[in-house]
Amino acid sequence: MCRMLGYLGGPVLLDDLLYAPDSSLLKQTVDAQMLSMLNLAGFGFAAWSDGWRQSDAPLCYRNTQVAVFDKNLQALARKISANGLIAHLRGVPYRADTQVNLENVHPFHFEGLPIVLAHNGDLADFHAIKFDLVEHVKPEFLRQIHGSSDSAWLYALLVSRLENPAGRQAAVDLVHAVDETLSIIRRARQRRGITRSSAVNLIIGDGRSLVATRFTFDFGRFDQLPFQGGVEYLSQWYTFGRDYGLHDGEWKMIDGPAGANAVIVASEPLTRDVATWVEVPEYSALMMTKDDQGCRGQVVALDV
């Protein structure tokens, strides 16, 4: 199963999120604290910076190489600072039929859209419902689905729910799109008699808004153990504050949510000091927006 993170706030060196912290995302390739499996099937990120040309468009990077061996990523992370980031470390079942290719590396992004999506989870028997989803995807997006995974279709479904997918999105509109997407999948699962527990933790954003979900279809129903190391309900954590960085020898977000100008959301806390991290509630979404007044967020229930 995968590991992922999202960031909104002031400029932060990618190295300070991906490599440097005590339990950084890249360290979770082989040593995730809340997942007893290796994550070896590729890495990707989408980043935004107010100072870049065409700042609304994400800078996307993907590689199928085992992330800890990716020298190009390490060099980029030491040079690039970003105001927004969605990064994803892909973990897959250890089976011969698993596809490890660039088309299935997260986060997913269609050319011309500001929105990207990363997914941590596994839709059981996805092959049985995939073609039931075709009618719910706009033709211009259907042609752009190159990945074979459930996550690629989740992205296409979600952007098809947006009234103006090429425009700037409010966090509440992204949550509504998530609700509709999950409802479509629930109906398809019911039509095909699929009841096996299936996680849909998402991080979605456009550099100004960020939404993180913690959700599972039919929690607790298994005809076989989940492949993600026996974990049944996947983790999702967040921390608000000011001036994320190295303080008194420890990586942390300081000052708490009051007057916050930054937020990190991740599959598991990145820092040794976990006192400021809060778990996203089950069946909920964390909505976050960044503007001149800072970074604001709230947790809402998913209406599925």
C-alpha atoms as a PDB file:
ATOM      1  CA  MET A   1       0.000   0.000   0.000  1.00  0.00           C
ATOM      2  CA  CYS A   2       1.165   3.531  -0.716  1.00  0.00           C
ATOM      3  CA  ARG A   3       2.427   6.470   1.339  1.00  0.00           C
ATOM      4  CA  MET A   4       1.720  10.096   0.413  1.00  0.00           C
ATOM      5  CA  LEU A   5       1.860  13.691   1.635  1.00  0.00           C
ATOM      6  CA  GLY A   6       0.503  17.131   0.825  1.00  0.00           C
ATOM      7  CA  TYR A   7       1.796  20.558   1.789  1.00  0.00           C
ATOM      8  CA  LEU A   8       0.436  24.132   1.603  1.00  0.00           C
ATOM      9  CA  GLY A   9       2.202  27.156   3.021  1.00  0.00           C
ATOM     10  CA  GLY A  10       5.273  29.307   2.626  1.00  0.00           C
ATOM     11  CA  PRO A  11       8.156  28.169   0.434  1.00  0.00           C
ATOM     12  CA  VAL A  12       9.708  24.934   1.715  1.00  0.00           C
ATOM     13  CA  LEU A  13      12.651  23.096   0.224  1.00  0.00           C
ATOM     14  CA  LEU A  14      11.422  19.732  -1.066  1.00  0.00           C
ATOM     15  CA  ASP A  15      14.351  18.082   0.685  1.00  0.00           C
ATOM     16  CA  ASP A  16      12.854  19.219   4.024  1.00  0.00           C
ATOM     17  CA  LEU A  17       9.707  17.182   3.335  1.00  0.00           C
ATOM     18  CA  LEU A  18      10.975  14.263   1.256  1.00  0.00           C
ATOM     19  CA  TYR A  19      14.366  13.433   2.798  1.00  0.00           C
ATOM     20  CA  ALA A  20      15.346  15.333   5.930  1.00  0.00           C
ATOM     21  CA  PRO A  21      12.648  14.641   8.597  1.00  0.00           C
ATOM     22  CA  ASP A  22      12.846  11.730  11.020  1.00  0.00           C
ATOM     23  CA  SER A  23      10.215   9.707   9.138  1.00  0.00           C
ATOM     24  CA  SER A  24      10.367  11.466   5.772  1.00  0.00           C
ATOM     25  CA  LEU A  25       8.399  10.203   2.815  1.00  0.00           C
ATOM     26  CA  LEU A  26      11.474   8.756   1.116  1.00  0.00           C
ATOM     27  CA  LYS A  27      12.489   6.907   4.293  1.00  0.00           C
ATOM     28  CA  GLN A  28       9.066   5.247   4.160  1.00  0.00           C
ATOM     29  CA  THR A  29      10.188   3.405   1.023  1.00  0.00           C
ATOM     30  CA  VAL A  30      11.658   0.742   3.298  1.00  0.00           C
ATOM     31  CA  ASP A  31      10.743   1.821   6.840  1.00  0.00           C
ATOM     32  CA  ALA A  32       7.172   3.093   7.069  1.00  0.00           C
ATOM     33  CA  GLN A  33       6.173   3.279  10.731  1.00  0.00           C
ATOM     34  CA  MET A  34       2.464   2.522  10.146  1.00  0.00           C
ATOM     35  CA  LEU A  35       2.705  -0.016   7.338  1.00  0.00           C
ATOM     36  CA  SER A  36       4.568  -3.320   7.406  1.00  0.00           C
ATOM     37  CA  MET A  37       5.553  -3.498   3.738  1.00  0.00           C
ATOM     38  CA  LEU A  38       8.048  -2.037   1.293  1.00  0.00           C
ATOM     39  CA  ASN A  39       7.007   0.668  -1.191  1.00  0.00           C
ATOM     40  CA  LEU A  40       9.077  -0.078  -4.274  1.00  0.00           C
ATOM     41  CA  ALA A  41       6.866   0.709  -7.285  1.00  0.00           C
ATOM     42  CA  GLY A  42       7.798   4.299  -8.048  1.00  0.00           C
ATOM     43  CA  PHE A  43       7.574   7.864  -6.793  1.00  0.00           C
ATOM     44  CA  GLY A  44       6.055  11.094  -8.068  1.00  0.00           C
ATOM     45  CA  PHE A  45       5.275  14.632  -7.028  1.00  0.00           C
ATOM     46  CA  ALA A  46       3.390  17.713  -8.206  1.00  0.00           C
ATOM     47  CA  ALA A  47       4.648  21.051  -6.908  1.00  0.00           C
ATOM     48  CA  TRP A  48       3.558  24.675  -7.154  1.00  0.00           C
ATOM     49  CA  SER A  49       5.376  27.940  -6.426  1.00  0.00           C
ATOM     50  CA  ASP A  50       4.046  31.486  -6.527  1.00  0.00           C
ATOM     51  CA  GLY A  51       7.306  32.612  -8.113  1.00  0.00           C
ATOM     52  CA  TRP A  52       7.306  30.203 -11.036  1.00  0.00           C
ATOM     53  CA  ARG A  53       6.151  30.977 -14.560  1.00  0.00           C
ATOM     54  CA  GLN A  54       2.540  29.785 -15.007  1.00  0.00           C
ATOM     55  CA  SER A  55       2.324  29.277 -11.255  1.00  0.00           C
ATOM     56  CA  ASP A  56      -1.145  27.684 -11.524  1.00  0.00           C
ATOM     57  CA  ALA A  57       0.281  24.746 -13.475  1.00  0.00           C
ATOM     58  CA  PRO A  58       1.973  22.024 -11.410  1.00  0.00           C
ATOM     59  CA  LEU A  59       5.523  20.891 -11.942  1.00  0.00           C
ATOM     60  CA  CYS A  60       5.176  17.111 -12.193  1.00  0.00           C
ATOM     61  CA  TYR A  61       7.870  14.487 -11.716  1.00  0.00           C
ATOM     62  CA  ARG A  62       7.443  10.703 -11.859  1.00  0.00           C
ATOM     63  CA  ASN A  63       9.832   7.770 -11.894  1.00  0.00           C
ATOM     64  CA  THR A  64       9.341   4.007 -11.611  1.00  0.00           C
ATOM     65  CA  GLN A  65      12.759   3.600  -9.997  1.00  0.00           C
ATOM     66  CA  VAL A  66      12.891   2.584  -6.329  1.00  0.00           C
ATOM     67  CA  ALA A  67      12.650   6.027  -4.752  1.00  0.00           C
ATOM     68  CA  VAL A  68      15.635   5.832  -2.400  1.00  0.00           C
ATOM     69  CA  PHE A  69      17.914   5.151  -5.405  1.00  0.00           C
ATOM     70  CA  ASP A  70      16.610   8.090  -7.493  1.00  0.00           C
ATOM     71  CA  LYS A  71      19.595  10.472  -7.777  1.00  0.00           C
ATOM     72  CA  ASN A  72      17.704  12.889 -10.036  1.00  0.00           C
ATOM     73  CA  LEU A  73      14.965  13.287  -7.426  1.00  0.00           C
ATOM     74  CA  GLN A  74      17.547  13.870  -4.712  1.00  0.00           C
ATOM     75  CA  ALA A  75      19.233  16.596  -6.771  1.00  0.00           C
ATOM     76  CA  LEU A  76      15.920  18.317  -7.539  1.00  0.00           C
ATOM     77  CA  ALA A  77      14.793  18.152  -3.903  1.00  0.00           C
ATOM     78  CA  ARG A  78      17.929  20.013  -2.799  1.00  0.00           C
ATOM     79  CA  LYS A  79      17.229  22.900  -5.208  1.00  0.00           C
ATOM     80  CA  ILE A  80      13.426  23.301  -5.503  1.00  0.00           C
ATOM     81  CA  SER A  81      11.315  25.215  -2.999  1.00  0.00           C
ATOM     82  CA  ALA A  82       7.529  25.080  -3.301  1.00  0.00           C
ATOM     83  CA  ASN A  83       4.423  26.639  -1.758  1.00  0.00           C
ATOM     84  CA  GLY A  84       2.396  23.524  -2.513  1.00  0.00           C
ATOM     85  CA  LEU A  85       3.252  19.850  -2.890  1.00  0.00           C
ATOM     86  CA  ILE A  86       1.524  16.520  -3.400  1.00  0.00           C
ATOM     87  CA  ALA A  87       3.927  13.571  -3.317  1.00  0.00           C
ATOM     88  CA  HIS A  88       3.286   9.837  -3.529  1.00  0.00           C
ATOM     89  CA  LEU A  89       5.323   6.712  -2.845  1.00  0.00           C
ATOM     90  CA  ARG A  90       3.740   3.722  -4.600  1.00  0.00           C
ATOM     91  CA  GLY A  91       3.353   0.360  -2.925  1.00  0.00           C
ATOM     92  CA  VAL A  92       1.793  -2.581  -4.748  1.00  0.00           C
ATOM     93  CA  PRO A  93       1.001  -6.260  -4.123  1.00  0.00           C
ATOM     94  CA  TYR A  94       4.029  -8.502  -4.568  1.00  0.00           C
ATOM     95  CA  ARG A  95       2.567 -10.455  -7.500  1.00  0.00           C
ATOM     96  CA  ALA A  96       3.739 -11.179 -11.026  1.00  0.00           C
ATOM     97  CA  ASP A  97       0.624  -9.598 -12.559  1.00  0.00           C
ATOM     98  CA  THR A  98       1.242  -6.223 -10.878  1.00  0.00           C
ATOM     99  CA  GLN A  99       2.082  -3.470 -13.377  1.00  0.00           C
ATOM    100  CA  VAL A 100       4.981  -1.196 -12.433  1.00  0.00           C
ATOM    101  CA  ASN A 101       5.072   1.444 -15.161  1.00  0.00           C
ATOM    102  CA  LEU A 102       5.141   5.225 -15.489  1.00  0.00           C
ATOM    103  CA  GLU A 103       1.455   5.433 -16.413  1.00  0.00           C
ATOM    104  CA  ASN A 104       0.461   4.127 -12.972  1.00  0.00           C
ATOM    105  CA  VAL A 105       2.783   6.335 -10.907  1.00  0.00           C
ATOM    106  CA  HIS A 106       0.990   9.025  -8.897  1.00  0.00           C
ATOM    107  CA  PRO A 107       0.023  11.816  -8.632  1.00  0.00           C
ATOM    108  CA  PHE A 108      -2.320  11.830 -11.620  1.00  0.00           C
ATOM    109  CA  HIS A 109      -2.664  14.939 -13.758  1.00  0.00           C
ATOM    110  CA  PHE A 110      -4.239  15.751 -17.133  1.00  0.00           C
ATOM    111  CA  GLU A 111      -2.574  18.411 -19.276  1.00  0.00           C
ATOM    112  CA  GLY A 112      -4.253  21.796 -18.944  1.00  0.00           C
ATOM    113  CA  LEU A 113      -5.839  21.100 -15.549  1.00  0.00           C
ATOM    114  CA  PRO A 114      -4.573  22.530 -12.242  1.00  0.00           C
ATOM    115  CA  ILE A 115      -5.884  19.585 -10.184  1.00  0.00           C
ATOM    116  CA  VAL A 116      -3.793  16.543  -9.269  1.00  0.00           C
ATOM    117  CA  LEU A 117      -4.707  13.449  -7.249  1.00  0.00           C
ATOM    118  CA  ALA A 118      -2.827  10.853  -5.211  1.00  0.00           C
ATOM    119  CA  HIS A 119      -4.484   7.716  -3.824  1.00  0.00           C
ATOM    120  CA  ASN A 120      -3.630   5.346  -1.010  1.00  0.00           C
ATOM    121  CA  GLY A 121      -5.849   2.291  -1.144  1.00  0.00           C
ATOM    122  CA  ASP A 122      -7.084  -0.539  -3.306  1.00  0.00           C
ATOM    123  CA  LEU A 123     -10.528  -0.939  -4.879  1.00  0.00           C
ATOM    124  CA  ALA A 124     -11.321  -4.642  -4.652  1.00  0.00           C
ATOM    125  CA  ASP A 125     -12.162  -6.354  -7.960  1.00  0.00           C
ATOM    126  CA  PHE A 126     -11.731  -3.092  -9.828  1.00  0.00           C
ATOM    127  CA  HIS A 127     -11.642  -4.952 -13.158  1.00  0.00           C
ATOM    128  CA  ALA A 128     -15.293  -5.891 -12.582  1.00  0.00           C
ATOM    129  CA  ILE A 129     -16.520  -2.298 -12.258  1.00  0.00           C
ATOM    130  CA  LYS A 130     -14.124  -0.370 -14.511  1.00  0.00           C
ATOM    131  CA  PHE A 131     -16.344  -0.335 -17.558  1.00  0.00           C
ATOM    132  CA  ASP A 132     -19.377   0.612 -15.482  1.00  0.00           C
ATOM    133  CA  LEU A 133     -17.555   3.892 -14.841  1.00  0.00           C
ATOM    134  CA  VAL A 134     -17.095   4.868 -18.506  1.00  0.00           C
ATOM    135  CA  GLU A 135     -20.428   6.681 -18.758  1.00  0.00           C
ATOM    136  CA  HIS A 136     -19.450   8.894 -15.816  1.00  0.00           C
ATOM    137  CA  VAL A 137     -16.178  10.143 -17.351  1.00  0.00           C
ATOM    138  CA  LYS A 138     -16.231  13.041 -19.812  1.00  0.00           C
ATOM    139  CA  PRO A 139     -14.975  11.972 -23.268  1.00  0.00           C
ATOM    140  CA  GLU A 140     -12.072  14.437 -23.242  1.00  0.00           C
ATOM    141  CA  PHE A 141     -10.798  12.823 -20.040  1.00  0.00           C
ATOM    142  CA  LEU A 142     -11.573   9.251 -21.044  1.00  0.00           C
ATOM    143  CA  ARG A 143      -9.057   9.620 -23.873  1.00  0.00           C
ATOM    144  CA  GLN A 144      -6.369  10.671 -21.407  1.00  0.00           C
ATOM    145  CA  ILE A 145      -6.575   7.655 -19.073  1.00  0.00           C
ATOM    146  CA  HIS A 146      -3.296   5.885 -19.770  1.00  0.00           C
ATOM    147  CA  GLY A 147      -2.908   4.079 -16.450  1.00  0.00           C
ATOM    148  CA  SER A 148      -4.602   0.751 -15.768  1.00  0.00           C
ATOM    149  CA  SER A 149      -5.022   1.256 -12.039  1.00  0.00           C
ATOM    150  CA  ASP A 150      -8.098   2.159 -10.018  1.00  0.00           C
ATOM    151  CA  SER A 151      -6.344   5.403  -9.058  1.00  0.00           C
ATOM    152  CA  ALA A 152      -6.148   6.607 -12.672  1.00  0.00           C
ATOM    153  CA  TRP A 153      -9.908   6.144 -13.003  1.00  0.00           C
ATOM    154  CA  LEU A 154     -10.560   7.840  -9.666  1.00  0.00           C
ATOM    155  CA  TYR A 155      -8.817  10.935 -11.009  1.00  0.00           C
ATOM    156  CA  ALA A 156     -10.778  10.909 -14.276  1.00  0.00           C
ATOM    157  CA  LEU A 157     -14.051  10.450 -12.385  1.00  0.00           C
ATOM    158  CA  LEU A 158     -13.255  13.284 -10.007  1.00  0.00           C
ATOM    159  CA  VAL A 159     -12.294  15.915 -12.586  1.00  0.00           C
ATOM    160  CA  SER A 160     -15.415  14.933 -14.565  1.00  0.00           C
ATOM    161  CA  ARG A 161     -17.514  15.986 -11.567  1.00  0.00           C
ATOM    162  CA  LEU A 162     -16.125  19.546 -11.596  1.00  0.00           C
ATOM    163  CA  GLU A 163     -18.148  22.231 -13.362  1.00  0.00           C
ATOM    164  CA  ASN A 164     -15.001  23.925 -14.677  1.00  0.00           C
ATOM    165  CA  PRO A 165     -12.102  21.499 -14.213  1.00  0.00           C
ATOM    166  CA  ALA A 166      -9.643  23.868 -15.925  1.00  0.00           C
ATOM    167  CA  GLY A 167     -10.388  26.669 -13.448  1.00  0.00           C
ATOM    168  CA  ARG A 168      -9.406  27.385  -9.871  1.00  0.00           C
ATOM    169  CA  GLN A 169     -11.272  25.129  -7.434  1.00  0.00           C
ATOM    170  CA  ALA A 170     -12.539  25.918  -3.945  1.00  0.00           C
ATOM    171  CA  ALA A 171     -11.825  23.187  -1.401  1.00  0.00           C
ATOM    172  CA  VAL A 172     -15.558  22.689  -0.809  1.00  0.00           C
ATOM    173  CA  ASP A 173     -16.081  22.012  -4.530  1.00  0.00           C
ATOM    174  CA  LEU A 174     -13.344  19.368  -4.437  1.00  0.00           C
ATOM    175  CA  VAL A 175     -15.082  17.689  -1.490  1.00  0.00           C
ATOM    176  CA  HIS A 176     -18.401  17.668  -3.376  1.00  0.00           C
ATOM    177  CA  ALA A 177     -16.606  16.072  -6.342  1.00  0.00           C
ATOM    178  CA  VAL A 178     -15.158  13.426  -4.002  1.00  0.00           C
ATOM    179  CA  ASP A 179     -18.635  12.700  -2.595  1.00  0.00           C
ATOM    180  CA  GLU A 180     -20.059  12.203  -6.083  1.00  0.00           C
ATOM    181  CA  THR A 181     -17.104  10.080  -7.200  1.00  0.00           C
ATOM    182  CA  LEU A 182     -17.362   7.758  -4.203  1.00  0.00           C
ATOM    183  CA  SER A 183     -21.142   7.477  -4.678  1.00  0.00           C
ATOM    184  CA  ILE A 184     -20.647   6.376  -8.293  1.00  0.00           C
ATOM    185  CA  ILE A 185     -18.157   3.733  -7.206  1.00  0.00           C
ATOM    186  CA  ARG A 186     -20.425   2.549  -4.384  1.00  0.00           C
ATOM    187  CA  ARG A 187     -23.312   2.017  -6.819  1.00  0.00           C
ATOM    188  CA  ALA A 188     -21.026   0.122  -9.218  1.00  0.00           C
ATOM    189  CA  ARG A 189     -19.793  -2.099  -6.379  1.00  0.00           C
ATOM    190  CA  GLN A 190     -23.367  -2.846  -5.330  1.00  0.00           C
ATOM    191  CA  ARG A 191     -24.336  -3.652  -8.920  1.00  0.00           C
ATOM    192  CA  ARG A 192     -21.498  -6.191  -9.144  1.00  0.00           C
ATOM    193  CA  GLY A 193     -21.959  -7.605  -5.648  1.00  0.00           C
ATOM    194  CA  ILE A 194     -18.546  -6.403  -4.397  1.00  0.00           C
ATOM    195  CA  THR A 195     -18.441  -6.084  -0.613  1.00  0.00           C
ATOM    196  CA  ARG A 196     -14.751  -6.499   0.209  1.00  0.00           C
ATOM    197  CA  SER A 197     -13.266  -3.674   2.274  1.00  0.00           C
ATOM    198  CA  SER A 198     -11.574  -1.121  -0.002  1.00  0.00           C
ATOM    199  CA  ALA A 199      -9.675   1.984   1.097  1.00  0.00           C
ATOM    200  CA  VAL A 200      -9.889   5.331  -0.711  1.00  0.00           C
ATOM    201  CA  ASN A 201      -7.554   7.735   1.066  1.00  0.00           C
ATOM    202  CA  LEU A 202      -6.968  10.668  -1.285  1.00  0.00           C
ATOM    203  CA  ILE A 203      -4.938  13.862  -1.414  1.00  0.00           C
ATOM    204  CA  ILE A 204      -6.202  16.304  -4.053  1.00  0.00           C
ATOM    205  CA  GLY A 205      -5.040  19.832  -4.739  1.00  0.00           C
ATOM    206  CA  ASP A 206      -4.142  22.667  -7.075  1.00  0.00           C
ATOM    207  CA  GLY A 207      -1.552  24.650  -5.109  1.00  0.00           C
ATOM    208  CA  ARG A 208      -4.175  26.838  -3.417  1.00  0.00           C
ATOM    209  CA  SER A 209      -6.665  24.270  -2.111  1.00  0.00           C
ATOM    210  CA  LEU A 210      -5.932  20.843  -0.664  1.00  0.00           C
ATOM    211  CA  VAL A 211      -8.336  18.053   0.300  1.00  0.00           C
ATOM    212  CA  ALA A 212      -7.347  14.874   2.132  1.00  0.00           C
ATOM    213  CA  THR A 213      -9.804  12.026   2.693  1.00  0.00           C
ATOM    214  CA  ARG A 214      -9.837   9.004   4.979  1.00  0.00           C
ATOM    215  CA  PHE A 215     -12.436   6.566   3.716  1.00  0.00           C
ATOM    216  CA  THR A 216     -13.070   2.848   3.296  1.00  0.00           C
ATOM    217  CA  PHE A 217     -15.887   1.043   1.513  1.00  0.00           C
ATOM    218  CA  ASP A 218     -17.411  -1.808   3.562  1.00  0.00           C
ATOM    219  CA  PHE A 219     -14.880  -1.644   6.371  1.00  0.00           C
ATOM    220  CA  GLY A 220     -14.113  -4.983   8.009  1.00  0.00           C
ATOM    221  CA  ARG A 221     -15.390  -7.244   5.214  1.00  0.00           C
ATOM    222  CA  PHE A 222     -12.606  -9.456   3.891  1.00  0.00           C
ATOM    223  CA  ASP A 223     -12.633 -12.681   1.950  1.00  0.00           C
ATOM    224  CA  GLN A 224      -8.839 -12.481   2.210  1.00  0.00           C
ATOM    225  CA  LEU A 225      -6.464 -10.435   4.343  1.00  0.00           C
ATOM    226  CA  PRO A 226      -5.632  -6.971   2.985  1.00  0.00           C
ATOM    227  CA  PHE A 227      -2.303  -6.991   1.176  1.00  0.00           C
ATOM    228  CA  GLN A 228      -1.095  -3.832   2.945  1.00  0.00           C
ATOM    229  CA  GLY A 229       0.590  -5.682   5.769  1.00  0.00           C
ATOM    230  CA  GLY A 230      -2.631  -6.585   7.576  1.00  0.00           C
ATOM    231  CA  VAL A 231      -3.696  -2.946   8.048  1.00  0.00           C
ATOM    232  CA  GLU A 232      -7.468  -2.620   7.643  1.00  0.00           C
ATOM    233  CA  TYR A 233      -8.100   1.133   7.968  1.00  0.00           C
ATOM    234  CA  LEU A 234      -5.337   3.193   6.389  1.00  0.00           C
ATOM    235  CA  SER A 235      -3.871   6.134   8.264  1.00  0.00           C
ATOM    236  CA  GLN A 236      -4.018   9.850   7.361  1.00  0.00           C
ATOM    237  CA  TRP A 237      -2.581  12.601   9.596  1.00  0.00           C
ATOM    238  CA  TYR A 238      -2.226  16.381   9.498  1.00  0.00           C
ATOM    239  CA  THR A 239      -0.514  19.234  11.338  1.00  0.00           C
ATOM    240  CA  PHE A 240      -1.194  23.005  11.201  1.00  0.00           C
ATOM    241  CA  GLY A 241       1.195  25.721  12.260  1.00  0.00           C
ATOM    242  CA  ARG A 242       3.789  28.278  11.262  1.00  0.00           C
ATOM    243  CA  ASP A 243       7.335  27.974  10.008  1.00  0.00           C
ATOM    244  CA  TYR A 244       7.743  24.244   9.426  1.00  0.00           C
ATOM    245  CA  GLY A 245      11.403  23.328   9.659  1.00  0.00           C
ATOM    246  CA  LEU A 246      14.260  22.320  11.931  1.00  0.00           C
ATOM    247  CA  HIS A 247      13.721  23.885  15.381  1.00  0.00           C
ATOM    248  CA  ASP A 248      16.021  23.131  18.327  1.00  0.00           C
ATOM    249  CA  GLY A 249      17.345  20.078  16.550  1.00  0.00           C
ATOM    250  CA  GLU A 250      13.905  18.615  15.699  1.00  0.00           C
ATOM    251  CA  TRP A 251      11.764  18.797  12.591  1.00  0.00           C
ATOM    252  CA  LYS A 252       8.383  20.235  13.531  1.00  0.00           C
ATOM    253  CA  MET A 253       5.568  22.637  12.764  1.00  0.00           C
ATOM    254  CA  ILE A 254       5.498  25.325  15.472  1.00  0.00           C
ATOM    255  CA  ASP A 255       2.815  27.604  17.011  1.00  0.00           C
ATOM    256  CA  GLY A 256      -0.246  25.396  16.334  1.00  0.00           C
ATOM    257  CA  PRO A 257      -3.381  26.138  14.282  1.00  0.00           C
ATOM    258  CA  ALA A 258      -4.034  29.678  15.574  1.00  0.00           C
ATOM    259  CA  GLY A 259      -2.747  32.000  12.853  1.00  0.00           C
ATOM    260  CA  ALA A 260      -1.401  29.038  10.900  1.00  0.00           C
ATOM    261  CA  ASN A 261       0.233  29.712   7.552  1.00  0.00           C
ATOM    262  CA  ALA A 262       1.082  26.119   6.638  1.00  0.00           C
ATOM    263  CA  VAL A 263      -0.315  22.598   6.773  1.00  0.00           C
ATOM    264  CA  ILE A 264       1.134  19.144   6.142  1.00  0.00           C
ATOM    265  CA  VAL A 265      -1.041  16.102   5.599  1.00  0.00           C
ATOM    266  CA  ALA A 266       0.540  12.663   5.285  1.00  0.00           C
ATOM    267  CA  SER A 267      -0.147   8.955   5.550  1.00  0.00           C
ATOM    268  CA  GLU A 268       1.840   9.042   8.761  1.00  0.00           C
ATOM    269  CA  PRO A 269       3.608  11.764  10.778  1.00  0.00           C
ATOM    270  CA  LEU A 270       6.907  12.826   9.245  1.00  0.00           C
ATOM    271  CA  THR A 271       8.493  14.034  12.466  1.00  0.00           C
ATOM    272  CA  ARG A 272       9.733  12.394  15.651  1.00  0.00           C
ATOM    273  CA  ASP A 273       7.647  14.820  17.715  1.00  0.00           C
ATOM    274  CA  VAL A 274       4.089  13.685  16.936  1.00  0.00           C
ATOM    275  CA  ALA A 275       2.355  15.856  19.560  1.00  0.00           C
ATOM    276  CA  THR A 276       1.140  18.349  16.952  1.00  0.00           C
ATOM    277  CA  TRP A 277      -0.178  15.716  14.517  1.00  0.00           C
ATOM    278  CA  VAL A 278      -3.907  14.853  14.404  1.00  0.00           C
ATOM    279  CA  GLU A 279      -5.478  11.887  12.623  1.00  0.00           C
ATOM    280  CA  VAL A 280      -8.094  12.640   9.983  1.00  0.00           C
ATOM    281  CA  PRO A 281     -11.323  11.025  11.276  1.00  0.00           C
ATOM    282  CA  GLU A 282     -12.723   7.992   9.482  1.00  0.00           C
ATOM    283  CA  TYR A 283     -15.192   8.754   6.658  1.00  0.00           C
ATOM    284  CA  SER A 284     -14.088  12.396   6.611  1.00  0.00           C
ATOM    285  CA  ALA A 285     -12.237  14.944   4.522  1.00  0.00           C
ATOM    286  CA  LEU A 286      -9.841  17.661   5.602  1.00  0.00           C
ATOM    287  CA  MET A 287     -10.405  20.828   3.520  1.00  0.00           C
ATOM    288  CA  MET A 288      -7.561  23.356   3.390  1.00  0.00           C
ATOM    289  CA  THR A 289      -7.236  26.714   1.639  1.00  0.00           C
ATOM    290  CA  LYS A 290      -4.244  29.068   1.429  1.00  0.00           C
ATOM    291  CA  ASP A 291      -4.558  32.807   0.745  1.00  0.00           C
ATOM    292  CA  ASP A 292      -3.038  36.099   1.889  1.00  0.00           C
ATOM    293  CA  GLN A 293      -4.512  35.607   5.371  1.00  0.00           C
ATOM    294  CA  GLY A 294      -2.804  32.271   5.906  1.00  0.00           C
ATOM    295  CA  CYS A 295      -3.862  28.635   5.741  1.00  0.00           C
ATOM    296  CA  ARG A 296      -7.333  27.661   6.932  1.00  0.00           C
ATOM    297  CA  GLY A 297      -8.853  24.229   7.256  1.00  0.00           C
ATOM    298  CA  GLN A 298     -11.742  22.211   8.607  1.00  0.00           C
ATOM    299  CA  VAL A 299     -12.787  18.583   8.785  1.00  0.00           C
ATOM    300  CA  VAL A 300     -16.115  17.601   7.206  1.00  0.00           C
ATOM    301  CA  ALA A 301     -17.959  14.283   6.990  1.00  0.00           C
ATOM    302  CA  LEU A 302     -18.103  12.634   3.573  1.00  0.00           C
ATOM    303  CA  ASP A 303     -21.692  12.371   2.367  1.00  0.00           C
ATOM    304  CA  VAL A 304     -21.542   8.919   0.769  1.00  0.00           C
END
